[in-house]
């Protein structure tokens, strides 16, 4: 997909890191990669720059300013469906093409907490688990307030929601051992 955009066109990566682009082999490309995050990151490569901001508000950029917008596993960190739709609208507004990936709510192993069926449990049980155990990428939480914030900090989408957010894109399903693990919205340049 990236090979179809102009060789010097900047890439907007919402929630991205230089490590991702290093794995993709684009650390010395002619593309300037804008790592747009809620926290400043320190890119290690000359073709990358860190920009502080919120993916729900890309008003600093014009409609269609980017040939390509990328966001990999970021959407789920927006806590409400309204915020997720807002980010999707902004991606669609500033990007003439895009690639967005997000984990599936119905995948049986919650990929952040690494606990089977975690997102399907009642919130109070999730909070209790978070207060009593280190789960996945998260250390044991010391109080209920912090555990609640951690649990509520991840909002996974269903395929139906995701398809509505990106209704001008092709929606693909990534699978792991046959299970639908995540979704990809891909809109190519025309």
N, C-alpha and C. Protein backbone atom coordinates (compact mmCIF):
# COMPACT_ATOMS: atom_id res chain seq x y z
N UNK A 1 0.82 -1.19 0.00
CA UNK A 1 0.00 0.00 0.00
C UNK A 1 0.87 1.26 0.00
N UNK A 2 1.92 1.27 0.81
CA UNK A 2 2.80 2.44 0.89
C UNK A 2 3.51 2.65 -0.43
N UNK A 3 3.80 1.57 -1.13
CA UNK A 3 4.50 1.70 -2.40
C UNK A 3 3.68 2.44 -3.46
N UNK A 4 2.38 2.60 -3.24
CA UNK A 4 1.54 3.30 -4.21
C UNK A 4 1.51 4.82 -3.99
N UNK A 5 2.06 5.31 -2.88
CA UNK A 5 2.05 6.75 -2.66
C UNK A 5 3.35 7.35 -3.19
N UNK A 6 3.33 8.65 -3.47
CA UNK A 6 4.51 9.33 -3.98
C UNK A 6 5.70 9.11 -3.05
N UNK A 7 6.89 8.98 -3.65
CA UNK A 7 8.07 8.59 -2.86
C UNK A 7 8.45 9.60 -1.79
N UNK A 8 8.09 10.87 -1.95
CA UNK A 8 8.44 11.88 -0.94
C UNK A 8 7.26 12.30 -0.09
N UNK A 9 6.11 11.65 -0.27
CA UNK A 9 4.90 12.04 0.47
C UNK A 9 5.05 11.69 1.96
N UNK A 10 4.68 12.62 2.84
CA UNK A 10 4.74 12.30 4.27
C UNK A 10 3.65 11.28 4.65
N UNK A 11 3.93 10.52 5.67
CA UNK A 11 2.99 9.53 6.22
C UNK A 11 2.62 9.98 7.62
N UNK A 12 1.32 10.06 7.88
CA UNK A 12 0.85 10.38 9.23
C UNK A 12 0.53 9.06 9.93
N UNK A 13 1.21 8.80 11.04
CA UNK A 13 1.00 7.58 11.82
C UNK A 13 0.43 7.96 13.18
N UNK A 14 -0.85 7.69 13.37
CA UNK A 14 -1.51 8.03 14.63
C UNK A 14 -1.27 6.90 15.63
N UNK A 15 -0.58 7.24 16.72
CA UNK A 15 -0.27 6.27 17.76
C UNK A 15 0.95 5.42 17.45
N UNK A 16 1.76 5.84 16.50
CA UNK A 16 2.87 5.02 16.04
C UNK A 16 4.17 5.21 16.78
N UNK A 17 5.08 4.28 16.51
CA UNK A 17 6.42 4.32 17.10
C UNK A 17 7.46 4.09 16.01
N UNK A 18 8.68 4.53 16.27
CA UNK A 18 9.74 4.28 15.30
C UNK A 18 10.06 2.79 15.19
N UNK A 19 9.84 2.04 16.25
CA UNK A 19 10.11 0.60 16.24
C UNK A 19 9.26 -0.11 15.18
N UNK A 20 7.99 0.28 15.08
CA UNK A 20 7.10 -0.31 14.08
C UNK A 20 7.67 -0.11 12.67
N UNK A 21 8.07 1.13 12.37
CA UNK A 21 8.58 1.44 11.04
C UNK A 21 9.94 0.81 10.79
N UNK A 22 10.70 0.59 11.86
CA UNK A 22 11.97 -0.13 11.73
C UNK A 22 11.70 -1.56 11.29
N UNK A 23 10.72 -2.21 11.92
CA UNK A 23 10.35 -3.58 11.54
C UNK A 23 9.84 -3.60 10.09
N UNK A 24 9.12 -2.54 9.68
CA UNK A 24 8.59 -2.46 8.31
C UNK A 24 9.68 -2.10 7.29
N UNK A 25 10.88 -1.76 7.75
CA UNK A 25 11.98 -1.45 6.85
C UNK A 25 11.93 -0.06 6.24
N UNK A 26 11.29 0.89 6.90
CA UNK A 26 11.16 2.24 6.34
C UNK A 26 11.90 3.30 7.15
N UNK A 27 12.98 2.92 7.80
CA UNK A 27 13.71 3.88 8.62
C UNK A 27 14.59 4.80 7.78
N UNK A 28 14.91 4.41 6.58
CA UNK A 28 15.74 5.26 5.72
C UNK A 28 15.01 5.60 4.43
N UNK A 29 13.71 5.60 4.46
CA UNK A 29 12.94 5.88 3.25
C UNK A 29 12.89 7.39 3.00
N UNK A 30 12.41 7.76 1.83
CA UNK A 30 12.26 9.17 1.50
C UNK A 30 11.00 9.77 2.11
N UNK A 31 10.16 8.92 2.71
CA UNK A 31 8.95 9.41 3.37
C UNK A 31 9.28 9.99 4.74
N UNK A 32 8.78 11.19 5.00
CA UNK A 32 8.83 11.69 6.37
C UNK A 32 7.67 11.01 7.09
N UNK A 33 7.94 10.38 8.22
CA UNK A 33 6.90 9.70 8.99
C UNK A 33 6.62 10.54 10.24
N UNK A 34 5.38 10.99 10.35
CA UNK A 34 4.95 11.82 11.47
C UNK A 34 4.32 10.91 12.51
N UNK A 35 5.00 10.75 13.64
CA UNK A 35 4.51 9.92 14.74
C UNK A 35 3.64 10.82 15.62
N UNK A 36 2.33 10.69 15.47
CA UNK A 36 1.36 11.57 16.13
C UNK A 36 0.81 10.85 17.36
N UNK A 37 1.14 11.34 18.55
CA UNK A 37 0.82 10.65 19.79
C UNK A 37 0.39 11.62 20.88
N UNK A 38 -0.26 11.08 21.91
CA UNK A 38 -0.65 11.89 23.06
C UNK A 38 0.53 12.17 23.99
N UNK A 39 1.62 11.47 23.77
CA UNK A 39 2.87 11.72 24.50
C UNK A 39 3.99 11.85 23.48
N UNK A 40 4.95 12.69 23.76
CA UNK A 40 6.08 12.86 22.85
C UNK A 40 6.91 11.58 22.84
N UNK A 41 7.25 11.13 21.67
CA UNK A 41 8.17 10.00 21.52
C UNK A 41 9.45 10.54 20.91
N UNK A 42 10.55 9.87 21.14
CA UNK A 42 11.83 10.34 20.62
C UNK A 42 12.28 9.40 19.50
N UNK A 43 11.92 9.72 18.25
CA UNK A 43 12.31 8.84 17.16
C UNK A 43 13.82 8.79 16.98
N UNK A 44 14.30 7.62 16.61
CA UNK A 44 15.74 7.40 16.45
C UNK A 44 16.20 7.58 15.00
N UNK A 45 15.28 7.87 14.10
CA UNK A 45 15.62 7.90 12.68
C UNK A 45 15.34 9.28 12.10
N UNK A 46 16.16 9.70 11.16
CA UNK A 46 16.09 11.05 10.62
C UNK A 46 14.81 11.33 9.84
N UNK A 47 14.17 10.32 9.30
CA UNK A 47 12.96 10.54 8.51
C UNK A 47 11.69 10.53 9.37
N UNK A 48 11.85 10.57 10.69
CA UNK A 48 10.70 10.55 11.58
C UNK A 48 10.69 11.77 12.50
N UNK A 49 9.48 12.23 12.78
CA UNK A 49 9.31 13.37 13.67
C UNK A 49 8.15 13.05 14.61
N UNK A 50 8.26 13.50 15.84
CA UNK A 50 7.20 13.29 16.83
C UNK A 50 6.34 14.54 16.92
N UNK A 51 5.02 14.33 16.88
CA UNK A 51 4.07 15.44 17.02
C UNK A 51 3.11 15.08 18.14
N UNK A 52 2.90 16.01 19.04
CA UNK A 52 2.01 15.81 20.18
C UNK A 52 0.60 16.22 19.79
N UNK A 53 -0.36 15.33 20.05
CA UNK A 53 -1.75 15.66 19.73
C UNK A 53 -2.68 14.51 20.03
N UNK A 54 -3.93 14.73 19.70
CA UNK A 54 -5.01 13.79 19.96
C UNK A 54 -5.59 13.35 18.61
N UNK A 55 -5.66 12.05 18.38
CA UNK A 55 -6.16 11.52 17.12
C UNK A 55 -7.59 11.89 16.81
N UNK A 56 -8.34 12.34 17.81
CA UNK A 56 -9.72 12.77 17.58
C UNK A 56 -9.77 14.18 16.99
N UNK A 57 -8.66 14.90 17.04
CA UNK A 57 -8.62 16.27 16.56
C UNK A 57 -7.37 16.49 15.73
N UNK A 58 -7.53 16.36 14.43
CA UNK A 58 -6.42 16.58 13.50
C UNK A 58 -6.61 17.90 12.76
N UNK A 59 -7.23 18.87 13.44
CA UNK A 59 -7.59 20.14 12.80
C UNK A 59 -6.37 20.92 12.31
N UNK A 60 -5.18 20.60 12.77
CA UNK A 60 -3.98 21.28 12.27
C UNK A 60 -3.67 20.87 10.83
N UNK A 61 -4.35 19.80 10.35
CA UNK A 61 -4.13 19.31 8.99
C UNK A 61 -5.35 19.57 8.12
N UNK A 62 -5.11 19.86 6.84
CA UNK A 62 -6.18 20.14 5.88
C UNK A 62 -6.86 18.84 5.42
N UNK A 63 -8.05 18.98 4.90
CA UNK A 63 -8.74 17.85 4.27
C UNK A 63 -7.85 17.28 3.17
N UNK A 64 -7.66 15.96 3.19
CA UNK A 64 -6.88 15.28 2.16
C UNK A 64 -5.41 15.64 2.13
N UNK A 65 -4.87 16.18 3.21
CA UNK A 65 -3.47 16.61 3.22
C UNK A 65 -2.49 15.46 3.03
N UNK A 66 -2.85 14.28 3.51
CA UNK A 66 -1.93 13.14 3.45
C UNK A 66 -2.40 12.13 2.41
N UNK A 67 -1.44 11.67 1.61
CA UNK A 67 -1.77 10.57 0.71
C UNK A 67 -2.04 9.30 1.51
N UNK A 68 -1.39 9.18 2.68
CA UNK A 68 -1.52 7.95 3.45
C UNK A 68 -1.51 8.24 4.95
N UNK A 69 -2.51 7.72 5.66
CA UNK A 69 -2.58 7.78 7.13
C UNK A 69 -2.57 6.35 7.64
N UNK A 70 -1.83 6.14 8.70
CA UNK A 70 -1.66 4.80 9.27
C UNK A 70 -1.98 4.83 10.75
N UNK A 71 -2.64 3.78 11.25
CA UNK A 71 -2.87 3.65 12.69
C UNK A 71 -3.01 2.17 13.01
N UNK A 72 -2.09 1.67 13.79
CA UNK A 72 -2.06 0.24 14.12
C UNK A 72 -2.28 0.05 15.62
N UNK A 73 -3.39 -0.58 15.97
CA UNK A 73 -3.70 -0.89 17.37
C UNK A 73 -3.67 0.35 18.26
N UNK A 74 -4.38 1.39 17.85
CA UNK A 74 -4.49 2.61 18.63
C UNK A 74 -5.93 2.91 19.00
N UNK A 75 -6.84 2.61 18.11
CA UNK A 75 -8.26 2.94 18.27
C UNK A 75 -8.83 2.45 19.60
N UNK A 76 -8.40 1.29 20.07
CA UNK A 76 -8.96 0.71 21.29
C UNK A 76 -8.61 1.49 22.55
N UNK A 77 -7.65 2.42 22.47
CA UNK A 77 -7.29 3.21 23.65
C UNK A 77 -8.19 4.43 23.83
N UNK A 78 -9.10 4.64 22.89
CA UNK A 78 -10.12 5.68 23.06
C UNK A 78 -11.27 5.04 23.82
N UNK A 79 -11.68 5.64 24.90
CA UNK A 79 -12.55 4.98 25.88
C UNK A 79 -14.02 4.91 25.52
N UNK A 80 -14.46 5.68 24.53
CA UNK A 80 -15.89 5.65 24.17
C UNK A 80 -16.03 5.42 22.68
N UNK A 81 -17.17 4.88 22.30
CA UNK A 81 -17.44 4.66 20.88
C UNK A 81 -17.50 5.99 20.14
N UNK A 82 -17.99 7.04 20.81
CA UNK A 82 -18.04 8.37 20.19
C UNK A 82 -16.63 8.88 19.86
N UNK A 83 -15.70 8.68 20.79
CA UNK A 83 -14.32 9.09 20.55
C UNK A 83 -13.70 8.28 19.41
N UNK A 84 -14.00 6.98 19.36
CA UNK A 84 -13.49 6.14 18.28
C UNK A 84 -14.01 6.60 16.92
N UNK A 85 -15.31 6.92 16.86
CA UNK A 85 -15.87 7.44 15.61
C UNK A 85 -15.24 8.79 15.24
N UNK A 86 -14.96 9.63 16.24
CA UNK A 86 -14.32 10.92 15.98
C UNK A 86 -12.94 10.73 15.36
N UNK A 87 -12.15 9.80 15.90
CA UNK A 87 -10.83 9.54 15.33
C UNK A 87 -10.96 8.99 13.91
N UNK A 88 -11.91 8.10 13.70
CA UNK A 88 -12.13 7.54 12.36
C UNK A 88 -12.49 8.65 11.36
N UNK A 89 -13.37 9.57 11.77
CA UNK A 89 -13.74 10.69 10.89
C UNK A 89 -12.52 11.53 10.52
N UNK A 90 -11.67 11.79 11.50
CA UNK A 90 -10.48 12.60 11.25
C UNK A 90 -9.50 11.88 10.31
N UNK A 91 -9.31 10.59 10.51
CA UNK A 91 -8.44 9.82 9.61
C UNK A 91 -8.97 9.90 8.18
N UNK A 92 -10.26 9.70 8.04
CA UNK A 92 -10.88 9.73 6.71
C UNK A 92 -10.82 11.13 6.09
N UNK A 93 -10.88 12.15 6.94
CA UNK A 93 -10.85 13.53 6.44
C UNK A 93 -9.47 13.92 5.92
N UNK A 94 -8.41 13.62 6.69
CA UNK A 94 -7.07 14.09 6.31
C UNK A 94 -6.34 13.13 5.38
N UNK A 95 -6.79 11.87 5.31
CA UNK A 95 -6.10 10.88 4.50
C UNK A 95 -6.84 10.52 3.22
N UNK A 96 -6.12 10.59 2.11
CA UNK A 96 -6.71 10.14 0.85
C UNK A 96 -6.67 8.63 0.75
N UNK A 97 -5.77 8.00 1.47
CA UNK A 97 -5.76 6.56 1.64
C UNK A 97 -5.35 6.30 3.09
N UNK A 98 -5.69 5.12 3.58
CA UNK A 98 -5.34 4.83 4.96
C UNK A 98 -5.35 3.33 5.24
N UNK A 99 -4.72 3.00 6.36
CA UNK A 99 -4.68 1.64 6.90
C UNK A 99 -4.88 1.78 8.40
N UNK A 100 -5.96 1.18 8.92
CA UNK A 100 -6.24 1.24 10.36
C UNK A 100 -6.50 -0.18 10.83
N UNK A 101 -5.83 -0.59 11.90
CA UNK A 101 -6.01 -1.92 12.47
C UNK A 101 -6.48 -1.76 13.90
N UNK A 102 -7.41 -2.63 14.32
CA UNK A 102 -7.91 -2.61 15.70
C UNK A 102 -8.29 -4.03 16.13
N UNK A 103 -8.06 -4.38 17.39
CA UNK A 103 -8.41 -5.72 17.88
C UNK A 103 -9.92 -5.93 17.96
N UNK A 104 -10.31 -7.18 17.85
CA UNK A 104 -11.71 -7.60 17.86
C UNK A 104 -12.21 -7.84 19.28
N UNK A 105 -13.33 -7.24 19.63
CA UNK A 105 -13.96 -7.46 20.94
C UNK A 105 -14.24 -8.95 21.18
N UNK A 106 -14.57 -9.69 20.13
CA UNK A 106 -15.00 -11.08 20.29
C UNK A 106 -13.84 -12.09 20.25
N UNK A 107 -12.60 -11.65 20.15
CA UNK A 107 -11.48 -12.59 20.21
C UNK A 107 -11.37 -13.10 21.64
N UNK A 108 -11.30 -14.42 21.84
CA UNK A 108 -11.40 -14.97 23.20
C UNK A 108 -10.26 -14.60 24.16
N UNK A 109 -9.07 -14.30 23.66
CA UNK A 109 -7.98 -13.90 24.54
C UNK A 109 -7.80 -12.39 24.43
N UNK A 110 -8.08 -11.67 25.50
CA UNK A 110 -7.93 -10.22 25.49
C UNK A 110 -6.44 -9.92 25.39
N UNK A 111 -6.03 -9.24 24.33
CA UNK A 111 -4.61 -9.11 24.01
C UNK A 111 -3.85 -8.08 24.86
N UNK A 112 -4.54 -7.29 25.66
CA UNK A 112 -3.86 -6.34 26.55
C UNK A 112 -3.65 -6.95 27.93
N UNK A 113 -4.69 -7.61 28.42
CA UNK A 113 -4.63 -8.23 29.75
C UNK A 113 -4.19 -9.69 29.69
N UNK A 114 -4.16 -10.27 28.49
CA UNK A 114 -3.74 -11.65 28.26
C UNK A 114 -4.48 -12.61 29.20
N UNK A 115 -5.78 -12.43 29.24
CA UNK A 115 -6.63 -13.23 30.11
C UNK A 115 -7.83 -13.68 29.28
N UNK A 116 -8.11 -14.98 29.26
CA UNK A 116 -9.23 -15.46 28.44
C UNK A 116 -10.56 -14.82 28.85
N UNK A 117 -11.30 -14.36 27.86
CA UNK A 117 -12.65 -13.81 28.02
C UNK A 117 -12.71 -12.60 28.96
N UNK A 118 -11.60 -11.92 29.17
CA UNK A 118 -11.54 -10.82 30.13
C UNK A 118 -12.60 -9.76 29.86
N UNK A 119 -12.73 -9.32 28.62
CA UNK A 119 -13.67 -8.25 28.28
C UNK A 119 -15.13 -8.67 28.40
N UNK A 120 -15.38 -9.94 28.52
CA UNK A 120 -16.75 -10.43 28.63
C UNK A 120 -17.18 -10.56 30.09
N UNK A 121 -16.24 -10.41 31.01
CA UNK A 121 -16.55 -10.51 32.44
C UNK A 121 -17.20 -9.21 32.92
N UNK A 122 -18.00 -9.28 33.96
CA UNK A 122 -18.53 -8.03 34.56
C UNK A 122 -17.37 -7.13 35.00
N UNK A 123 -17.57 -5.83 34.90
CA UNK A 123 -16.51 -4.89 35.21
C UNK A 123 -15.96 -5.07 36.63
N UNK A 124 -16.81 -5.35 37.60
CA UNK A 124 -16.33 -5.50 38.98
C UNK A 124 -15.38 -6.70 39.11
N UNK A 125 -15.59 -7.74 38.34
CA UNK A 125 -14.66 -8.89 38.35
C UNK A 125 -13.36 -8.50 37.66
N UNK A 126 -13.45 -7.75 36.57
CA UNK A 126 -12.24 -7.26 35.89
C UNK A 126 -11.41 -6.41 36.86
N UNK A 127 -12.08 -5.54 37.60
CA UNK A 127 -11.39 -4.67 38.56
C UNK A 127 -10.73 -5.50 39.66
N UNK A 128 -11.46 -6.48 40.18
CA UNK A 128 -10.90 -7.35 41.21
C UNK A 128 -9.66 -8.08 40.70
N UNK A 129 -9.75 -8.60 39.48
CA UNK A 129 -8.59 -9.29 38.89
C UNK A 129 -7.41 -8.33 38.74
N UNK A 130 -7.69 -7.11 38.26
CA UNK A 130 -6.62 -6.13 38.06
C UNK A 130 -5.97 -5.71 39.38
N UNK A 131 -6.74 -5.73 40.47
CA UNK A 131 -6.20 -5.36 41.79
C UNK A 131 -5.42 -6.50 42.44
N UNK A 132 -5.67 -7.72 42.01
CA UNK A 132 -5.06 -8.87 42.67
C UNK A 132 -3.99 -9.59 41.86
N UNK A 133 -3.89 -9.27 40.57
CA UNK A 133 -2.93 -9.97 39.71
C UNK A 133 -2.32 -9.00 38.70
N UNK A 134 -1.08 -9.28 38.33
CA UNK A 134 -0.50 -8.63 37.16
C UNK A 134 -1.10 -9.35 35.95
N UNK A 135 -1.67 -8.58 35.04
CA UNK A 135 -2.34 -9.16 33.88
C UNK A 135 -1.73 -8.61 32.60
N UNK A 136 -1.20 -9.47 31.79
CA UNK A 136 -0.67 -9.06 30.49
C UNK A 136 0.36 -7.96 30.62
N UNK A 137 0.05 -6.81 30.03
CA UNK A 137 0.97 -5.68 30.01
C UNK A 137 0.83 -4.80 31.24
N UNK A 138 -0.04 -5.17 32.17
CA UNK A 138 -0.34 -4.31 33.31
C UNK A 138 0.09 -4.95 34.63
N UNK A 139 0.78 -4.15 35.45
CA UNK A 139 1.11 -4.59 36.80
C UNK A 139 -0.17 -4.60 37.65
N UNK A 140 -0.11 -5.30 38.76
CA UNK A 140 -1.23 -5.33 39.71
C UNK A 140 -1.53 -3.90 40.14
N UNK A 141 -2.79 -3.53 40.10
CA UNK A 141 -3.21 -2.17 40.44
C UNK A 141 -3.42 -2.07 41.96
N UNK A 142 -2.99 -0.96 42.55
CA UNK A 142 -2.99 -0.83 44.00
C UNK A 142 -4.32 -0.43 44.61
N UNK A 143 -5.21 0.14 43.81
CA UNK A 143 -6.50 0.56 44.37
C UNK A 143 -7.59 0.38 43.32
N UNK A 144 -8.83 0.37 43.78
CA UNK A 144 -9.97 0.15 42.89
C UNK A 144 -10.08 1.26 41.84
N UNK A 145 -9.80 2.50 42.23
CA UNK A 145 -9.91 3.62 41.29
C UNK A 145 -8.94 3.44 40.12
N UNK A 146 -7.72 3.08 40.43
CA UNK A 146 -6.71 2.87 39.38
C UNK A 146 -7.05 1.63 38.55
N UNK A 147 -7.51 0.58 39.19
CA UNK A 147 -7.90 -0.64 38.46
C UNK A 147 -9.06 -0.34 37.51
N UNK A 148 -10.03 0.43 37.97
CA UNK A 148 -11.17 0.80 37.12
C UNK A 148 -10.70 1.61 35.90
N UNK A 149 -9.79 2.56 36.12
CA UNK A 149 -9.27 3.36 35.01
C UNK A 149 -8.52 2.48 34.01
N UNK A 150 -7.77 1.51 34.51
CA UNK A 150 -7.04 0.60 33.63
C UNK A 150 -8.00 -0.24 32.80
N UNK A 151 -9.00 -0.81 33.47
CA UNK A 151 -9.99 -1.65 32.78
C UNK A 151 -10.75 -0.83 31.74
N UNK A 152 -11.14 0.37 32.11
CA UNK A 152 -11.92 1.22 31.19
C UNK A 152 -11.04 1.87 30.12
N UNK A 153 -9.74 1.74 30.27
CA UNK A 153 -8.81 2.33 29.31
C UNK A 153 -8.74 1.62 27.98
N UNK A 154 -9.35 0.46 27.88
CA UNK A 154 -9.36 -0.32 26.64
C UNK A 154 -10.81 -0.53 26.22
N UNK A 155 -11.13 -0.12 25.00
CA UNK A 155 -12.46 -0.37 24.45
C UNK A 155 -12.30 -1.02 23.08
N UNK A 156 -12.52 -2.31 23.04
CA UNK A 156 -12.40 -3.05 21.79
C UNK A 156 -13.66 -2.89 20.96
N UNK A 157 -13.52 -2.98 19.64
CA UNK A 157 -14.66 -2.80 18.75
C UNK A 157 -15.13 -4.12 18.17
N UNK A 158 -16.38 -4.12 17.75
CA UNK A 158 -16.91 -5.25 17.00
C UNK A 158 -16.69 -4.95 15.51
N UNK A 159 -16.85 -5.96 14.70
CA UNK A 159 -16.69 -5.77 13.25
C UNK A 159 -17.73 -4.78 12.74
N UNK A 160 -18.95 -4.88 13.23
CA UNK A 160 -20.02 -3.98 12.78
C UNK A 160 -19.68 -2.52 13.08
N UNK A 161 -19.23 -2.25 14.32
CA UNK A 161 -18.84 -0.88 14.67
C UNK A 161 -17.69 -0.39 13.78
N UNK A 162 -16.69 -1.24 13.64
CA UNK A 162 -15.51 -0.88 12.86
C UNK A 162 -15.87 -0.58 11.41
N UNK A 163 -16.73 -1.40 10.84
CA UNK A 163 -17.16 -1.19 9.45
C UNK A 163 -17.94 0.12 9.30
N UNK A 164 -18.70 0.49 10.31
CA UNK A 164 -19.43 1.78 10.26
C UNK A 164 -18.45 2.95 10.36
N UNK A 165 -17.40 2.79 11.17
CA UNK A 165 -16.42 3.86 11.32
C UNK A 165 -15.70 4.14 10.00
N UNK A 166 -15.46 3.09 9.24
CA UNK A 166 -14.67 3.19 8.01
C UNK A 166 -15.49 2.65 6.84
N UNK A 167 -16.64 3.27 6.62
CA UNK A 167 -17.58 2.74 5.62
C UNK A 167 -17.15 3.00 4.18
N UNK A 168 -16.05 3.72 3.97
CA UNK A 168 -15.54 3.92 2.61
C UNK A 168 -14.33 3.04 2.33
N UNK A 169 -14.06 2.09 3.22
CA UNK A 169 -12.86 1.25 3.11
C UNK A 169 -13.23 -0.22 2.94
N UNK A 170 -12.25 -0.98 2.51
CA UNK A 170 -12.37 -2.44 2.51
C UNK A 170 -12.02 -2.91 3.93
N UNK A 171 -12.87 -3.74 4.51
CA UNK A 171 -12.63 -4.25 5.86
C UNK A 171 -12.18 -5.70 5.74
N UNK A 172 -11.02 -6.00 6.31
CA UNK A 172 -10.49 -7.36 6.32
C UNK A 172 -10.41 -7.84 7.76
N UNK A 173 -10.43 -9.14 7.93
CA UNK A 173 -10.32 -9.74 9.25
C UNK A 173 -8.99 -10.49 9.35
N UNK A 174 -8.19 -10.15 10.37
CA UNK A 174 -6.95 -10.88 10.65
C UNK A 174 -7.31 -12.03 11.60
N UNK A 175 -6.79 -13.19 11.34
CA UNK A 175 -7.14 -14.36 12.14
C UNK A 175 -5.91 -14.94 12.84
N UNK A 176 -6.16 -15.54 13.99
CA UNK A 176 -5.14 -16.27 14.73
C UNK A 176 -5.72 -17.64 15.07
N UNK A 177 -5.11 -18.69 14.56
CA UNK A 177 -5.61 -20.06 14.73
C UNK A 177 -7.10 -20.16 14.35
N UNK A 178 -7.46 -19.45 13.30
CA UNK A 178 -8.83 -19.48 12.80
C UNK A 178 -9.78 -18.48 13.44
N UNK A 179 -9.41 -17.96 14.59
CA UNK A 179 -10.27 -16.99 15.29
C UNK A 179 -10.06 -15.59 14.73
N UNK A 180 -11.13 -14.81 14.57
CA UNK A 180 -10.98 -13.42 14.11
C UNK A 180 -10.37 -12.54 15.21
N UNK A 181 -9.07 -12.23 15.06
CA UNK A 181 -8.31 -11.53 16.09
C UNK A 181 -8.46 -10.01 16.01
N UNK A 182 -8.46 -9.48 14.79
CA UNK A 182 -8.51 -8.03 14.62
C UNK A 182 -9.06 -7.69 13.24
N UNK A 183 -9.33 -6.40 13.06
CA UNK A 183 -9.88 -5.91 11.81
C UNK A 183 -8.95 -4.87 11.21
N UNK A 184 -8.96 -4.80 9.89
CA UNK A 184 -8.18 -3.81 9.17
C UNK A 184 -9.10 -3.07 8.22
N UNK A 185 -9.07 -1.74 8.29
CA UNK A 185 -9.75 -0.90 7.31
C UNK A 185 -8.68 -0.37 6.37
N UNK A 186 -8.88 -0.62 5.10
CA UNK A 186 -7.89 -0.22 4.10
C UNK A 186 -8.60 0.52 2.97
N UNK A 187 -8.16 1.75 2.77
CA UNK A 187 -8.64 2.54 1.63
C UNK A 187 -7.43 2.89 0.78
N UNK A 188 -7.45 2.47 -0.46
CA UNK A 188 -6.35 2.72 -1.38
C UNK A 188 -6.54 4.04 -2.11
N UNK A 189 -5.43 4.59 -2.59
CA UNK A 189 -5.50 5.78 -3.45
C UNK A 189 -6.21 5.41 -4.72
N UNK A 190 -7.01 6.30 -5.23
CA UNK A 190 -7.71 6.03 -6.51
C UNK A 190 -7.06 6.79 -7.62
